[in-house]
């Protein structure tokens, strides 16, 4: 239903915390810094790992380190150990909360919490998990073998020897396409269960456009330039029509193997193009996490950039339509005051267009929209009169 984690957090962080404390003690007692000796650090690291593992079963353990005739010794109690690693353990709970939030479940809806990895033998970790999930975690399985056991079950499912079981996978990052203006339209969202399928309908942004470039991207950012580019392909042969009239259906399909098939189809002509990519190819867990963290860190700036791009796109459309209308007979039907109002509104929009303030641009777009109401009505009336010319209606 969801996946989350912190690939920069693990047993090594606990080892390094104990190692740092030991090095400070040794430097204080011996008057020398042994951190530059790789051999000494390697030996001391083995000693602190032994202490860490023993403290999962004993209330206190002696840390002993011998180096070049000198001896360092210190008793590490579980109480002291827990205090040293409390912040590290607390960090493990954040991804757990985020995962439950993404899956839209509460702790009471979770049947079992399975502990994975050697560090889950630490009593403080187990108690923290129990508090968060409000249930005693499942500890009967060997935490060093759990991942291998899960892989064996999945292999059995694929081979047909394990029945009545299904392991569902999810997409770690959102998938979408770049729209006109550089904004991303997410079609399959992060943590969607696969196989998955979704589609959206788009249109053209330029008059008489006959082909559309489909740019497939992956990531959580709002702008395509900040996401991972997966593929580009052209849908050609679109009937030349005014901007906004074409209907382009873009369909995303991820199969059980994680292969993404993207198809773009022109609803009017039936022409279509497609491409297949593997979104997870070349991505490590660290890179996935970094992309998610970047989207969180830049959420506010990304939203502002997307809003700015969207309102500028709207401004481009209304200015192009207004300039086109100024060359028609409908423009001449306006009074001098009405034409001056439209021209002034257009100029004000051009002045604020390059300012990075979407509220300011939005206000001027609305002003121009209001100023061109009469022009739009006159254009419509002219078009209707032209269509009815030479016809009669019998009573």
Protein backbone atom coordinates (compact mmCIF):
# COMPACT_ATOMS: atom_id res chain seq x y z
CA UNK A 1 0.00 0.00 0.00
CA UNK A 2 2.94 2.32 0.62
CA UNK A 3 6.69 2.32 1.09
CA UNK A 4 9.00 4.65 2.97
CA UNK A 5 12.37 4.64 4.69
CA UNK A 6 15.64 6.37 5.45
CA UNK A 7 18.53 4.75 3.60
CA UNK A 8 21.00 6.95 5.52
CA UNK A 9 20.01 5.44 8.87
CA UNK A 10 21.00 2.09 10.36
CA UNK A 11 23.18 0.09 12.69
CA UNK A 12 26.31 1.90 11.53
CA UNK A 13 24.98 5.11 13.09
CA UNK A 14 24.80 3.39 16.46
CA UNK A 15 28.29 1.92 16.01
CA UNK A 16 29.67 5.36 15.14
CA UNK A 17 28.03 6.92 18.20
CA UNK A 18 29.71 4.41 20.54
CA UNK A 19 32.97 4.70 18.61
CA UNK A 20 32.96 8.50 18.99
CA UNK A 21 32.43 8.26 22.78
CA UNK A 22 35.22 5.69 23.11
CA UNK A 23 37.66 7.80 21.06
CA UNK A 24 36.97 10.85 23.25
CA UNK A 25 37.63 8.77 26.41
CA UNK A 26 40.83 7.28 24.98
CA UNK A 27 42.19 10.66 23.94
CA UNK A 28 41.41 12.03 27.39
CA UNK A 29 43.05 9.08 29.22
CA UNK A 30 45.99 8.35 26.93
CA UNK A 31 46.64 11.87 25.71
CA UNK A 32 46.81 10.74 22.10
CA UNK A 33 44.46 10.67 19.10
CA UNK A 34 44.25 7.19 17.55
CA UNK A 35 41.58 8.15 15.02
CA UNK A 36 44.24 8.48 12.31
CA UNK A 37 45.21 4.82 12.64
CA UNK A 38 43.00 2.70 10.42
CA UNK A 39 44.03 -0.49 12.18
CA UNK A 40 43.22 0.93 15.63
CA UNK A 41 39.82 2.20 14.49
CA UNK A 42 39.00 -1.17 12.93
CA UNK A 43 39.85 -2.98 16.16
CA UNK A 44 37.90 -0.53 18.31
CA UNK A 45 34.91 -0.74 15.98
CA UNK A 46 34.80 -4.52 16.42
CA UNK A 47 34.84 -4.04 20.20
CA UNK A 48 31.97 -1.50 20.25
CA UNK A 49 29.87 -3.69 17.92
CA UNK A 50 30.36 -6.60 20.34
CA UNK A 51 29.18 -4.37 23.20
CA UNK A 52 26.18 -3.12 21.23
CA UNK A 53 25.06 -6.64 20.40
CA UNK A 54 25.61 -7.90 23.98
CA UNK A 55 23.56 -5.03 25.47
CA UNK A 56 20.46 -6.43 23.76
CA UNK A 57 20.58 -9.30 26.27
CA UNK A 58 22.57 -7.97 29.25
CA UNK A 59 21.97 -4.92 31.53
CA UNK A 60 25.66 -3.90 31.38
CA UNK A 61 28.74 -4.86 29.32
CA UNK A 62 32.44 -4.01 29.64
CA UNK A 63 34.02 -2.29 26.65
CA UNK A 64 37.70 -3.32 26.55
CA UNK A 65 40.25 -2.09 24.04
CA UNK A 66 43.94 -2.94 23.98
CA UNK A 67 46.37 -1.12 21.70
CA UNK A 68 50.17 -1.11 21.73
CA UNK A 69 50.40 -2.10 25.39
CA UNK A 70 47.74 0.35 26.54
CA UNK A 71 44.37 -0.69 27.86
CA UNK A 72 41.04 1.17 27.82
CA UNK A 73 38.05 -0.11 29.73
CA UNK A 74 34.59 1.25 30.41
CA UNK A 75 31.33 -0.27 31.60
CA UNK A 76 28.41 0.56 29.30
CA UNK A 77 25.01 0.11 30.93
CA UNK A 78 21.85 -0.32 28.95
CA UNK A 79 20.54 2.90 30.48
CA UNK A 80 23.59 4.82 29.24
CA UNK A 81 23.35 3.08 25.85
CA UNK A 82 19.68 3.99 25.47
CA UNK A 83 20.43 7.62 26.23
CA UNK A 84 23.22 7.71 23.65
CA UNK A 85 21.07 6.32 20.82
CA UNK A 86 17.66 7.80 21.69
CA UNK A 87 17.76 10.37 18.86
CA UNK A 88 18.81 7.71 16.35
CA UNK A 89 15.89 5.48 17.33
CA UNK A 90 13.52 8.45 17.16
CA UNK A 91 14.58 9.04 13.55
CA UNK A 92 13.29 5.58 12.60
CA UNK A 93 9.75 6.53 13.61
CA UNK A 94 9.40 9.39 11.10
CA UNK A 95 9.35 7.15 7.99
CA UNK A 96 6.93 4.81 9.80
CA UNK A 97 4.47 7.67 10.37
CA UNK A 98 4.90 8.89 6.77
CA UNK A 99 4.27 5.38 5.43
CA UNK A 100 1.05 5.02 7.43
CA UNK A 101 -0.05 8.45 6.22
CA UNK A 102 0.65 7.54 2.57
CA UNK A 103 -1.26 4.27 2.98
CA UNK A 104 -4.13 6.04 4.79
CA UNK A 105 -4.09 3.54 7.65
CA UNK A 106 -4.01 3.89 11.43
CA UNK A 107 -1.91 1.74 13.80
CA UNK A 108 -5.08 -0.13 14.81
CA UNK A 109 -5.61 -1.26 11.20
CA UNK A 110 -2.18 -2.95 11.02
CA UNK A 111 -2.23 -6.66 11.86
CA UNK A 112 1.49 -7.29 12.36
CA UNK A 113 4.68 -5.25 12.57
CA UNK A 114 7.63 -7.39 11.49
CA UNK A 115 11.09 -6.34 12.64
CA UNK A 116 13.82 -6.51 10.00
CA UNK A 117 17.56 -6.14 10.51
CA UNK A 118 19.91 -6.90 13.39
CA UNK A 119 19.41 -3.52 15.07
CA UNK A 120 15.77 -4.40 15.78
CA UNK A 121 17.05 -6.71 18.53
CA UNK A 122 17.85 -3.61 20.61
CA UNK A 123 15.23 -3.34 23.40
CA UNK A 124 14.86 0.45 22.93
CA UNK A 125 13.99 -0.07 19.25
CA UNK A 126 11.39 -2.69 20.09
CA UNK A 127 9.79 -0.56 22.79
CA UNK A 128 9.66 2.47 20.45
CA UNK A 129 7.97 0.36 17.77
CA UNK A 130 5.47 -0.96 20.29
CA UNK A 131 4.58 2.56 21.44
CA UNK A 132 4.15 3.87 17.88
CA UNK A 133 2.08 0.97 16.54
CA UNK A 134 0.32 0.30 19.88
CA UNK A 135 1.04 -3.41 19.59
CA UNK A 136 3.90 -5.74 20.40
CA UNK A 137 5.99 -6.30 17.23
CA UNK A 138 6.45 -9.73 15.69
CA UNK A 139 9.83 -10.97 16.95
CA UNK A 140 9.65 -14.72 16.31
CA UNK A 141 11.46 -14.46 12.96
CA UNK A 142 15.23 -14.03 12.71
CA UNK A 143 15.61 -10.33 11.76
CA UNK A 144 18.76 -11.14 9.77
CA UNK A 145 16.85 -13.60 7.57
CA UNK A 146 13.47 -11.88 7.15
CA UNK A 147 14.29 -10.23 3.81
CA UNK A 148 15.60 -13.52 2.38
CA UNK A 149 12.46 -15.31 3.60
CA UNK A 150 10.27 -12.71 1.89
CA UNK A 151 12.24 -13.07 -1.35
CA UNK A 152 11.80 -16.86 -1.15
CA UNK A 153 8.02 -16.47 -0.74
CA UNK A 154 7.86 -14.17 -3.78
CA UNK A 155 9.96 -16.64 -5.79
CA UNK A 156 7.50 -19.36 -4.78
CA UNK A 157 4.56 -17.21 -5.92
CA UNK A 158 6.21 -16.59 -9.31
CA UNK A 159 7.11 -20.28 -9.68
CA UNK A 160 3.59 -21.38 -8.78
CA UNK A 161 4.64 -23.43 -5.75
CA UNK A 162 3.12 -20.94 -3.27
CA UNK A 163 -0.62 -20.47 -3.71
CA UNK A 164 -3.26 -18.16 -2.22
CA UNK A 165 -0.69 -15.44 -1.59
CA UNK A 166 -0.05 -12.20 -3.46
CA UNK A 167 2.70 -9.67 -2.95
CA UNK A 168 1.79 -6.22 -4.25
CA UNK A 169 4.45 -3.69 -5.23
CA UNK A 170 4.09 0.08 -5.42
CA UNK A 171 5.64 2.82 -7.50
CA UNK A 172 8.28 4.66 -5.44
CA UNK A 173 7.96 7.93 -7.42
CA UNK A 174 5.21 9.67 -9.37
CA UNK A 175 5.11 9.41 -13.18
CA UNK A 176 3.75 12.08 -15.49
CA UNK A 177 4.33 14.25 -18.54
CA UNK A 178 5.58 17.77 -19.11
CA UNK A 179 2.83 20.19 -20.07
CA UNK A 180 3.08 23.44 -22.01
CA UNK A 181 4.93 25.84 -19.74
CA UNK A 182 7.20 23.22 -18.15
CA UNK A 183 4.76 22.12 -15.43
CA UNK A 184 4.40 18.39 -14.67
CA UNK A 185 1.03 16.67 -14.83
CA UNK A 186 1.30 13.58 -12.60
CA UNK A 187 -0.66 10.67 -14.09
CA UNK A 188 0.37 7.80 -11.79
CA UNK A 189 1.14 9.01 -8.28
CA UNK A 190 3.79 7.79 -5.86
CA UNK A 191 2.85 4.67 -3.88
CA UNK A 192 0.25 3.55 -6.45
CA UNK A 193 -0.12 -0.24 -6.39
CA UNK A 194 1.16 -1.94 -9.54
CA UNK A 195 0.01 -3.13 -12.02
CA UNK A 196 -1.50 0.32 -12.53
CA UNK A 197 -3.18 2.21 -15.35
CA UNK A 198 -4.29 5.83 -15.68
CA UNK A 199 -4.97 8.31 -18.46
CA UNK A 200 -5.59 12.00 -18.99
CA UNK A 201 -6.65 14.09 -21.95
CA UNK A 202 -4.58 17.05 -23.11
CA UNK A 203 -4.76 19.51 -25.99
CA UNK A 204 -2.55 21.68 -28.18
CA UNK A 205 -1.13 25.03 -27.10
CA UNK A 206 -0.49 26.62 -30.51
CA UNK A 207 -2.79 27.26 -33.50
CA UNK A 208 -2.52 24.73 -36.36
CA UNK A 209 -0.17 22.50 -34.35
CA UNK A 210 0.33 19.18 -36.18
CA UNK A 211 2.53 17.28 -33.74
CA UNK A 212 2.96 17.05 -29.98
CA UNK A 213 6.15 16.16 -28.10
CA UNK A 214 5.37 13.80 -25.21
CA UNK A 215 8.00 14.13 -22.46
CA UNK A 216 7.67 11.43 -19.79
CA UNK A 217 9.16 12.35 -16.39
CA UNK A 218 9.50 10.80 -12.94
CA UNK A 219 9.60 12.58 -9.59
CA UNK A 220 7.69 14.65 -7.07
CA UNK A 221 8.71 18.16 -8.17
CA UNK A 222 6.25 20.52 -9.86
CA UNK A 223 8.48 21.46 -12.82
CA UNK A 224 9.77 19.00 -15.42
CA UNK A 225 13.30 20.44 -15.29
CA UNK A 226 13.56 19.27 -11.66
CA UNK A 227 12.34 15.73 -12.40
CA UNK A 228 14.03 12.72 -13.95
CA UNK A 229 13.52 12.48 -17.72
CA UNK A 230 12.48 8.98 -18.81
CA UNK A 231 11.51 9.28 -22.48
CA UNK A 232 10.49 11.64 -25.30
CA UNK A 233 8.47 10.83 -28.39
CA UNK A 234 6.37 12.67 -31.01
CA UNK A 235 2.71 12.20 -31.85
CA UNK A 236 2.50 13.37 -35.46
CA UNK A 237 -0.30 13.86 -37.96
CA UNK A 238 -2.64 15.92 -35.77
CA UNK A 239 -5.23 17.84 -37.78
CA UNK A 240 -4.25 21.55 -37.90
CA UNK A 241 -6.83 23.27 -35.70
CA UNK A 242 -6.96 26.27 -33.39
CA UNK A 243 -5.15 25.81 -30.07
CA UNK A 244 -7.26 23.96 -27.54
CA UNK A 245 -9.43 22.04 -30.03
CA UNK A 246 -7.37 18.84 -30.37
CA UNK A 247 -7.91 16.00 -27.89
CA UNK A 248 -4.80 13.98 -27.06
CA UNK A 249 -5.31 11.02 -24.72
CA UNK A 250 -2.16 9.98 -22.86
CA UNK A 251 -2.33 6.59 -21.15
CA UNK A 252 0.20 5.19 -18.64
CA UNK A 253 0.31 1.45 -17.94
CA UNK A 254 2.75 -0.17 -15.50
CA UNK A 255 2.83 -3.98 -15.60
CA UNK A 256 3.79 -6.40 -12.82
CA UNK A 257 7.44 -6.24 -13.93
CA UNK A 258 7.57 -2.48 -13.43
CA UNK A 259 7.67 -1.73 -17.17
CA UNK A 260 5.91 1.53 -18.05
CA UNK A 261 4.12 1.77 -21.40
CA UNK A 262 3.10 5.30 -22.45
CA UNK A 263 0.66 5.74 -25.33
CA UNK A 264 -0.46 9.05 -26.86
CA UNK A 265 -3.54 8.95 -29.13
CA UNK A 266 -5.22 11.67 -31.18
CA UNK A 267 -8.94 11.18 -30.51
CA UNK A 268 -9.91 12.79 -33.83
CA UNK A 269 -7.63 10.88 -36.24
CA UNK A 270 -6.95 7.76 -34.18
CA UNK A 271 -3.20 8.10 -34.74
CA UNK A 272 -1.07 6.99 -31.81
CA UNK A 273 2.53 6.57 -30.70
CA UNK A 274 3.90 4.69 -27.73
CA UNK A 275 7.11 4.01 -25.84
CA UNK A 276 8.19 1.58 -23.12
CA UNK A 277 10.58 2.42 -20.28
CA UNK A 278 11.59 0.95 -16.94
CA UNK A 279 11.21 3.79 -14.39
CA UNK A 280 13.28 2.03 -11.71
CA UNK A 281 16.27 1.38 -14.01
CA UNK A 282 19.47 2.91 -12.66
CA UNK A 283 17.80 4.30 -9.52
CA UNK A 284 19.17 3.38 -6.11
CA UNK A 285 17.15 3.62 -2.90
CA UNK A 286 19.31 6.61 -1.94
CA UNK A 287 18.41 8.43 -5.16
CA UNK A 288 14.69 7.74 -4.71
CA UNK A 289 14.86 9.07 -1.16
CA UNK A 290 16.85 12.13 -2.26
CA UNK A 291 14.20 12.93 -4.90
CA UNK A 292 11.41 12.67 -2.33
CA UNK A 293 13.31 14.79 0.19
CA UNK A 294 14.01 17.42 -2.48
CA UNK A 295 10.29 17.66 -3.25
CA UNK A 296 9.55 18.23 0.45
CA UNK A 297 12.34 20.78 0.91
CA UNK A 298 11.32 22.72 -2.21
CA UNK A 299 7.54 22.29 -1.92
CA UNK A 300 6.77 25.98 -1.38
CA UNK A 301 9.13 27.23 -4.08
CA UNK A 302 7.90 24.58 -6.53
CA UNK A 303 4.27 25.52 -5.93
CA UNK A 304 5.03 29.19 -6.57
CA UNK A 305 6.94 28.31 -9.75
CA UNK A 306 4.05 26.14 -10.99
CA UNK A 307 1.52 28.89 -10.23
CA UNK A 308 3.71 31.43 -12.03
CA UNK A 309 4.07 29.17 -15.06
CA UNK A 310 0.33 28.50 -15.16
CA UNK A 311 -0.74 32.14 -14.97
CA UNK A 312 1.85 33.16 -17.59
CA UNK A 313 0.49 30.45 -19.86
CA UNK A 314 -3.01 31.87 -19.38
CA UNK A 315 -1.66 35.39 -20.02
CA UNK A 316 -0.06 34.20 -23.28
CA UNK A 317 -3.41 32.78 -24.38
CA UNK A 318 -5.52 35.84 -23.66
CA UNK A 319 -2.96 38.26 -25.15
CA UNK A 320 -2.71 36.18 -28.34
CA UNK A 321 -6.50 36.00 -28.61
CA UNK A 322 -6.84 39.75 -28.01
CA UNK A 323 -4.20 40.65 -30.60
CA UNK A 324 -5.98 38.40 -33.09
CA UNK A 325 -9.33 40.04 -32.29
CA UNK A 326 -7.83 43.51 -32.84
CA UNK A 327 -7.42 42.62 -36.51
CA UNK A 328 -11.10 41.77 -37.00
CA UNK A 329 -14.18 43.86 -37.85
CA UNK A 330 -15.44 43.36 -34.30
CA UNK A 331 -12.62 45.60 -33.06
CA UNK A 332 -13.94 48.49 -35.15
CA UNK A 333 -17.40 48.16 -33.61
CA UNK A 334 -16.03 49.20 -30.20
CA UNK A 335 -16.07 52.81 -29.08
CA UNK A 336 -12.79 54.73 -28.81
CA UNK A 337 -13.08 54.47 -25.01
CA UNK A 338 -13.57 50.68 -25.11
CA UNK A 339 -10.62 50.20 -27.46
CA UNK A 340 -8.46 52.38 -25.22
CA UNK A 341 -9.48 50.28 -22.19
CA UNK A 342 -8.50 47.03 -23.91
CA UNK A 343 -5.18 48.47 -25.08
CA UNK A 344 -4.36 49.82 -21.61
CA UNK A 345 -5.21 46.49 -19.97
CA UNK A 346 -3.04 44.66 -22.51
CA UNK A 347 -0.09 46.99 -21.86
CA UNK A 348 -0.40 46.62 -18.08
CA UNK A 349 -0.35 42.83 -18.44
CA UNK A 350 2.78 43.04 -20.61
CA UNK A 351 4.48 45.18 -17.95
CA UNK A 352 3.86 42.72 -15.07
CA UNK A 353 4.33 39.57 -17.19
CA UNK A 354 8.04 39.19 -16.31
CA UNK A 355 7.59 39.94 -12.60
CA UNK A 356 7.82 36.81 -10.45
CA UNK A 357 4.52 37.43 -8.70
CA UNK A 358 1.64 35.24 -9.89
CA UNK A 359 -0.90 37.26 -7.86
CA UNK A 360 0.05 40.44 -9.75
CA UNK A 361 -0.11 38.73 -13.14
CA UNK A 362 -3.41 37.07 -12.23
CA UNK A 363 -4.95 40.44 -11.35
CA UNK A 364 -3.97 41.90 -14.74
CA UNK A 365 -5.18 38.79 -16.60
CA UNK A 366 -8.57 39.23 -14.92
CA UNK A 367 -8.54 42.95 -15.81
CA UNK A 368 -7.84 42.22 -19.49
CA UNK A 369 -10.46 39.48 -19.47
CA UNK A 370 -13.05 41.93 -18.17
CA UNK A 371 -11.99 44.65 -20.62
CA UNK A 372 -12.46 42.30 -23.61
CA UNK A 373 -15.97 41.10 -22.72
CA UNK A 374 -17.62 43.51 -25.17
CA UNK A 375 -15.09 42.62 -27.88
CA UNK A 376 -15.82 38.91 -27.41
CA UNK A 377 -19.58 39.56 -27.65
CA UNK A 378 -19.15 41.56 -30.85
CA UNK A 379 -16.98 38.82 -32.37
CA UNK A 380 -19.64 36.25 -31.55
CA UNK A 381 -22.39 38.41 -33.04
CA UNK A 382 -20.36 38.99 -36.20
CA UNK A 383 -19.73 35.25 -36.55
CA UNK A 384 -23.42 34.44 -36.08
CA UNK A 385 -24.53 37.07 -38.61
CA UNK A 386 -22.01 35.72 -41.10
CA UNK A 387 -23.31 32.20 -40.65
CA UNK A 388 -26.96 33.25 -41.06
CA UNK A 389 -26.37 35.49 -44.08
CA UNK A 390 -28.49 34.43 -47.04
CA UNK A 391 -30.79 32.19 -44.97
CA UNK A 392 -34.36 32.73 -43.80
CA UNK A 393 -36.50 31.34 -41.03
CA UNK A 394 -40.11 30.45 -41.89
CA UNK A 395 -42.68 31.12 -39.20
